[in-house]
Each structure stands twice: as C-alpha cells, then as structure tokens.
C-alpha cells in the first residue's frame, strides 16, 4: 500500500502534511452515473457546498464495491473489516476543493457503519449484502436493514476494456479523481476529510441493474439506465480524520 501512495503529481492540491488516520482498499468497483439537474439536488446538500456541474449538468453516482482491510493507522486489520459497500453520491466543491457528498452509504459490516457514523459523520446504514465473483461478472445485491420500506440494489456488472487512467478534462476524470469528502453532523456542523490514492485505473464496463431503490428515499428524479459505467479492480486508499469547516 505504501508504495502505491507515493505518487502525488496527479493531486489537485497538496497532500496533508499530518499523518493519515485510516487505510482501506476498494475492490471490484462499479461506477454508475446519471445526469441530473442541479436544482433537483440543492435541497439535499448543505447550503455552504456548491453543487458542481460538468458541461451544464450535475451528476449522481451509484458506486458498488467490496471494501477490504479497513484499519486504523499503525493497528492490524480486524475481523469483519472486509465487506461489500454501496454508496449514493453527489459532486460538490468548497474553497476550491472538489469532493464528494454522500446521500447514503450501505455496508454489510456493523463495525464499518459505526466507524463511518462516529468518526466521519457519514449517513451509513447496515444492509444485508453480497458481492460474488461469477463467470458473467460481479453479482451484487444489497437490501438495507431495519427500514419500513426495503431499499434494494441488485446488479451484475463486468469490465469490458483494458485498464487506463482517465484523461484530465474528461467527464470520467471529473467524476472519479476526487480527493476529499464532505459530511454534515447531526448538529449541522460541516466537515471535510482528505483522501489520497494513486490515480484510478478505470475500465469501460457493462451492467444489468435489476433493481435500484437508492434514489427513492431522496426523491431524486432519476430513471432509466446509467449514462456512464466504469469498473475498477482495486485501489488502495488512506484517509485523514475530518476537520470542521466554518459555516
């Protein structure tokens, strides 16, 4: 992991000079993206975050992956830290730092849900999930637990091209090469957490999405097949603890 994190020339701003706090790897990841009007997202995002647009459109992403080896810095990996994770995300910026704002995150690990809520102020929920490697691709299913109306995501997806680095200035680069996340605590305080990793090695992808309820709880006017699909086999990541931002 350390060797893969040495590259910094691709970053839009300097890596923090303090030690990172958490490490993990993202594996067999599907990026599914839909264009959406920025006005439809405004009620879902804190007022101090600007909703970003690319060529006149905002975007919403559904990202499915397997997370492996979540660990606190200098501590060994613990049991239960490899699990499927699913997120619904938007693209925002503040103070010249483009990042991600999550509307929901589902994880099969109760420990991950607790860590994400407690240390990163993220809207995690526990879900019953599996992500199985099959001859036709990754078979992925998530059912959010402990909710009155089931929130289900089910898909089969696979890569269809060799890996490549997205070219700067393209939409796929704009969607994936982001080095911070924004989150809001229950008390309304806004936080930013820095992230570092090597550039994504993306692959073109195809997916059959059998069921997708992720938009419904947020009233998002999104329907139909994704406009863009990408796959990534693995990426090692480190994260810094969130820092509060002035309102």
Protein backbone atom coordinates (compact mmCIF):
# COMPACT_ATOMS: atom_id res chain seq x y z
CA UNK A 1 0.00 0.00 0.00
CA UNK A 2 2.73 2.49 0.93
CA UNK A 3 4.39 2.19 -2.48
CA UNK A 4 1.10 2.79 -4.30
CA UNK A 5 0.59 6.01 -2.32
CA UNK A 6 3.92 7.63 -3.20
CA UNK A 7 2.63 9.26 -6.38
CA UNK A 8 1.34 12.79 -5.80
CA UNK A 9 1.74 14.57 -9.16
CA UNK A 10 -1.90 13.90 -10.07
CA UNK A 11 -3.38 15.58 -7.00
CA UNK A 12 -5.24 18.91 -7.41
CA UNK A 13 -3.81 20.15 -4.09
CA UNK A 14 -1.03 19.07 -1.75
CA UNK A 15 -1.47 16.01 0.37
CA UNK A 16 -1.95 16.93 4.05
CA UNK A 17 1.34 17.11 5.93
CA UNK A 18 -0.06 15.39 9.01
CA UNK A 19 -0.25 11.58 9.33
CA UNK A 20 -3.24 9.86 7.75
CA UNK A 21 -5.66 8.10 10.09
CA UNK A 22 -7.31 5.18 8.25
CA UNK A 23 -6.47 2.81 5.43
CA UNK A 24 -8.55 0.51 3.21
CA UNK A 25 -8.79 -0.93 -0.28
CA UNK A 26 -11.68 -0.63 -2.74
CA UNK A 27 -12.12 -3.69 -4.96
CA UNK A 28 -14.30 -4.74 -7.91
CA UNK A 29 -15.89 -1.32 -8.01
CA UNK A 30 -18.75 -0.27 -10.27
CA UNK A 31 -19.26 3.41 -11.03
CA UNK A 32 -22.75 4.06 -12.44
CA UNK A 33 -23.63 7.67 -13.26
CA UNK A 34 -26.71 9.61 -14.32
CA UNK A 35 -27.02 13.32 -15.27
CA UNK A 36 -29.46 15.33 -13.19
CA UNK A 37 -30.47 18.97 -12.88
CA UNK A 38 -28.53 20.78 -10.16
CA UNK A 39 -31.75 22.35 -8.89
CA UNK A 40 -33.08 18.89 -8.02
CA UNK A 41 -30.05 18.30 -5.77
CA UNK A 42 -30.00 21.65 -3.98
CA UNK A 43 -32.40 20.64 -1.14
CA UNK A 44 -30.21 17.60 -0.40
CA UNK A 45 -26.89 19.41 0.02
CA UNK A 46 -25.73 21.82 2.76
CA UNK A 47 -26.06 25.43 1.64
CA UNK A 48 -22.33 26.14 2.02
CA UNK A 49 -21.42 23.47 -0.56
CA UNK A 50 -21.61 24.33 -4.24
CA UNK A 51 -23.11 21.66 -6.49
CA UNK A 52 -20.70 21.12 -9.35
CA UNK A 53 -21.72 20.75 -12.97
CA UNK A 54 -19.91 19.37 -16.00
CA UNK A 55 -20.96 20.87 -19.34
CA UNK A 56 -24.14 22.24 -17.76
CA UNK A 57 -25.26 19.15 -15.87
CA UNK A 58 -24.87 17.88 -12.33
CA UNK A 59 -24.36 14.14 -11.82
CA UNK A 60 -25.40 11.50 -9.33
CA UNK A 61 -23.40 8.31 -8.84
CA UNK A 62 -24.15 4.85 -7.52
CA UNK A 63 -20.92 3.13 -6.53
CA UNK A 64 -20.82 -0.54 -5.57
CA UNK A 65 -17.66 -2.21 -4.34
CA UNK A 66 -16.01 -4.61 -1.95
CA UNK A 67 -14.04 -2.90 0.82
CA UNK A 68 -11.06 -4.77 2.23
CA UNK A 69 -8.71 -4.28 5.15
CA UNK A 70 -10.16 -1.24 6.92
CA UNK A 71 -7.79 -0.36 9.73
CA UNK A 72 -6.71 2.50 11.93
CA UNK A 73 -3.15 3.71 11.32
CA UNK A 74 -0.50 1.51 12.98
CA UNK A 75 -3.11 -1.06 14.02
CA UNK A 76 -3.63 -4.50 12.46
CA UNK A 77 -6.63 -5.37 10.37
CA UNK A 78 -9.55 -6.56 12.46
CA UNK A 79 -12.10 -9.30 11.72
CA UNK A 80 -15.14 -8.01 9.87
CA UNK A 81 -13.29 -5.23 8.04
CA UNK A 82 -13.75 -6.72 4.56
CA UNK A 83 -17.30 -6.29 3.31
CA UNK A 84 -19.49 -5.04 0.44
CA UNK A 85 -20.31 -1.34 0.46
CA UNK A 86 -22.71 0.70 -1.67
CA UNK A 87 -23.00 4.47 -1.87
CA UNK A 88 -25.10 7.16 -3.48
CA UNK A 89 -23.05 10.29 -4.06
CA UNK A 90 -23.08 13.81 -5.44
CA UNK A 91 -20.29 16.08 -6.66
CA UNK A 92 -19.68 19.31 -4.79
CA UNK A 93 -16.97 21.84 -4.06
CA UNK A 94 -15.96 24.32 -1.40
CA UNK A 95 -12.93 26.60 -1.07
CA UNK A 96 -11.61 25.38 -4.40
CA UNK A 97 -11.58 21.73 -3.34
CA UNK A 98 -13.93 19.50 -5.35
CA UNK A 99 -15.16 16.49 -3.42
CA UNK A 100 -17.98 14.08 -2.78
CA UNK A 101 -21.11 14.43 -0.69
CA UNK A 102 -22.84 11.16 0.19
CA UNK A 103 -26.60 10.84 0.38
CA UNK A 104 -26.37 7.28 1.67
CA UNK A 105 -23.88 4.51 2.32
CA UNK A 106 -24.84 0.89 2.91
CA UNK A 107 -22.39 -1.60 4.40
CA UNK A 108 -22.59 -5.23 5.40
CA UNK A 109 -20.35 -4.57 8.42
CA UNK A 110 -21.89 -3.17 11.60
CA UNK A 111 -18.41 -2.08 12.68
CA UNK A 112 -17.96 -0.09 9.46
CA UNK A 113 -21.34 1.55 9.97
CA UNK A 114 -20.36 2.57 13.48
CA UNK A 115 -16.94 3.89 12.41
CA UNK A 116 -18.39 5.81 9.47
CA UNK A 117 -21.05 7.46 11.62
CA UNK A 118 -18.86 8.06 14.65
CA UNK A 119 -15.63 9.29 13.05
CA UNK A 120 -16.71 10.64 9.64
CA UNK A 121 -20.31 11.86 10.24
CA UNK A 122 -21.46 9.86 7.21
CA UNK A 123 -25.03 8.55 6.66
CA UNK A 124 -24.18 4.85 6.90
CA UNK A 125 -26.82 2.14 7.20
CA UNK A 126 -26.44 -1.57 7.83
CA UNK A 127 -27.53 -3.80 4.94
CA UNK A 128 -27.66 -7.47 4.03
CA UNK A 129 -25.28 -7.69 1.10
CA UNK A 130 -23.24 -9.99 -1.08
CA UNK A 131 -20.77 -9.37 -3.91
CA UNK A 132 -19.84 -12.61 -5.62
CA UNK A 133 -17.41 -13.09 -8.49
CA UNK A 134 -19.16 -15.20 -11.16
CA UNK A 135 -18.33 -16.12 -14.77
CA UNK A 136 -20.59 -13.34 -16.04
CA UNK A 137 -19.15 -10.69 -13.72
CA UNK A 138 -19.73 -9.40 -10.19
CA UNK A 139 -23.15 -10.37 -8.85
CA UNK A 140 -24.08 -7.70 -6.33
CA UNK A 141 -27.10 -7.41 -4.08
CA UNK A 142 -27.89 -5.08 -1.16
CA UNK A 143 -31.01 -4.85 0.98
CA UNK A 144 -30.98 -2.09 3.61
CA UNK A 145 -31.80 -3.48 7.04
CA UNK A 146 -34.21 -2.17 9.65
CA UNK A 147 -36.27 0.11 7.38
CA UNK A 148 -40.01 0.02 6.87
CA UNK A 149 -39.74 0.05 3.06
CA UNK A 150 -36.92 -2.07 1.59
CA UNK A 151 -34.14 -0.24 -0.24
CA UNK A 152 -32.71 -2.74 -2.70
CA UNK A 153 -29.90 -2.61 -5.22
CA UNK A 154 -29.18 -5.62 -7.40
CA UNK A 155 -26.90 -5.75 -10.42
CA UNK A 156 -24.47 -7.86 -12.43
CA UNK A 157 -21.50 -5.96 -13.85
CA UNK A 158 -18.14 -6.56 -15.50
CA UNK A 159 -15.25 -4.79 -17.17
CA UNK A 160 -15.15 -4.62 -20.96
CA UNK A 161 -11.81 -2.92 -21.68
CA UNK A 162 -8.18 -2.90 -20.51
CA UNK A 163 -7.36 -0.56 -17.60
CA UNK A 164 -6.44 3.06 -18.29
CA UNK A 165 -6.01 6.37 -16.48
CA UNK A 166 -8.74 8.88 -17.29
CA UNK A 167 -7.52 11.90 -19.20
CA UNK A 168 -7.69 15.19 -17.32
CA UNK A 169 -10.55 17.36 -18.54
CA UNK A 170 -12.83 14.43 -19.37
CA UNK A 171 -16.07 13.66 -17.59
CA UNK A 172 -14.79 10.33 -16.28
CA UNK A 173 -11.78 12.06 -14.72
CA UNK A 174 -14.03 14.74 -13.20
CA UNK A 175 -16.29 12.08 -11.65
CA UNK A 176 -13.62 9.81 -10.20
CA UNK A 177 -10.49 11.80 -9.35
CA UNK A 178 -11.67 13.47 -6.15
CA UNK A 179 -9.55 13.77 -3.06
CA UNK A 180 -11.88 14.76 -0.26
CA UNK A 181 -15.34 14.09 1.08
CA UNK A 182 -17.76 16.42 2.80
CA UNK A 183 -20.14 15.42 5.58
CA UNK A 184 -22.57 17.09 7.93
CA UNK A 185 -23.05 16.07 11.53
CA UNK A 186 -26.47 15.67 13.09
CA UNK A 187 -25.88 19.01 14.80
CA UNK A 188 -25.41 20.67 11.40
CA UNK A 189 -21.63 21.14 11.50
CA UNK A 190 -19.83 20.65 8.19
CA UNK A 191 -16.61 18.61 7.89
CA UNK A 192 -14.08 17.80 5.20
CA UNK A 193 -11.93 14.66 5.18
CA UNK A 194 -8.95 14.38 2.84
CA UNK A 195 -8.31 11.21 0.85
CA UNK A 196 -5.24 10.03 -1.02
CA UNK A 197 -4.65 7.30 -3.56
CA UNK A 198 -2.95 6.68 -6.87
CA UNK A 199 -4.91 7.64 -9.99
CA UNK A 200 -7.81 5.33 -10.75
CA UNK A 201 -7.15 2.59 -13.29
CA UNK A 202 -10.57 2.58 -14.88
CA UNK A 203 -12.10 0.13 -17.30
CA UNK A 204 -15.13 0.52 -19.51
CA UNK A 205 -17.96 -1.60 -18.11
CA UNK A 206 -21.36 -3.05 -18.75
CA UNK A 207 -24.04 -3.70 -16.15
CA UNK A 208 -27.51 -5.11 -15.86
CA UNK A 209 -29.21 -3.34 -12.97
CA UNK A 210 -32.14 -5.49 -11.94
CA UNK A 211 -33.31 -3.26 -9.11
CA UNK A 212 -32.30 0.16 -7.79
CA UNK A 213 -34.23 1.82 -4.97
CA UNK A 214 -31.43 4.16 -3.87
CA UNK A 215 -32.91 7.30 -5.44
CA UNK A 216 -36.40 6.88 -3.96
CA UNK A 217 -35.75 7.94 -0.32
CA UNK A 218 -34.31 11.24 -1.57
CA UNK A 219 -36.95 12.00 -4.17
CA UNK A 220 -34.39 12.14 -6.97
CA UNK A 221 -35.91 12.45 -10.46
CA UNK A 222 -33.59 9.84 -11.99
CA UNK A 223 -34.75 6.90 -14.08
CA UNK A 224 -33.52 4.54 -16.76
CA UNK A 225 -30.13 3.06 -17.41
CA UNK A 226 -26.94 4.86 -16.35
CA UNK A 227 -25.39 7.21 -18.89
CA UNK A 228 -21.88 6.11 -17.88
CA UNK A 229 -20.46 2.86 -16.49
CA UNK A 230 -16.92 2.20 -15.29
CA UNK A 231 -15.16 -0.60 -13.40
CA UNK A 232 -12.01 -0.60 -11.26
CA UNK A 233 -10.33 -3.74 -9.97
CA UNK A 234 -8.58 -2.36 -6.88
CA UNK A 235 -7.36 0.87 -5.32
CA UNK A 236 -5.51 1.32 -2.02
CA UNK A 237 -6.62 4.39 -0.09
CA UNK A 238 -5.75 6.37 3.02
CA UNK A 239 -7.99 8.89 4.74
CA UNK A 240 -7.37 11.69 7.20
CA UNK A 241 -9.71 12.44 10.07
CA UNK A 242 -12.36 15.05 9.22
CA UNK A 243 -11.73 18.68 10.02
CA UNK A 244 -14.54 21.13 10.82
CA UNK A 245 -15.30 23.92 8.36
CA UNK A 246 -16.67 27.34 9.18
CA UNK A 247 -20.33 27.73 8.27
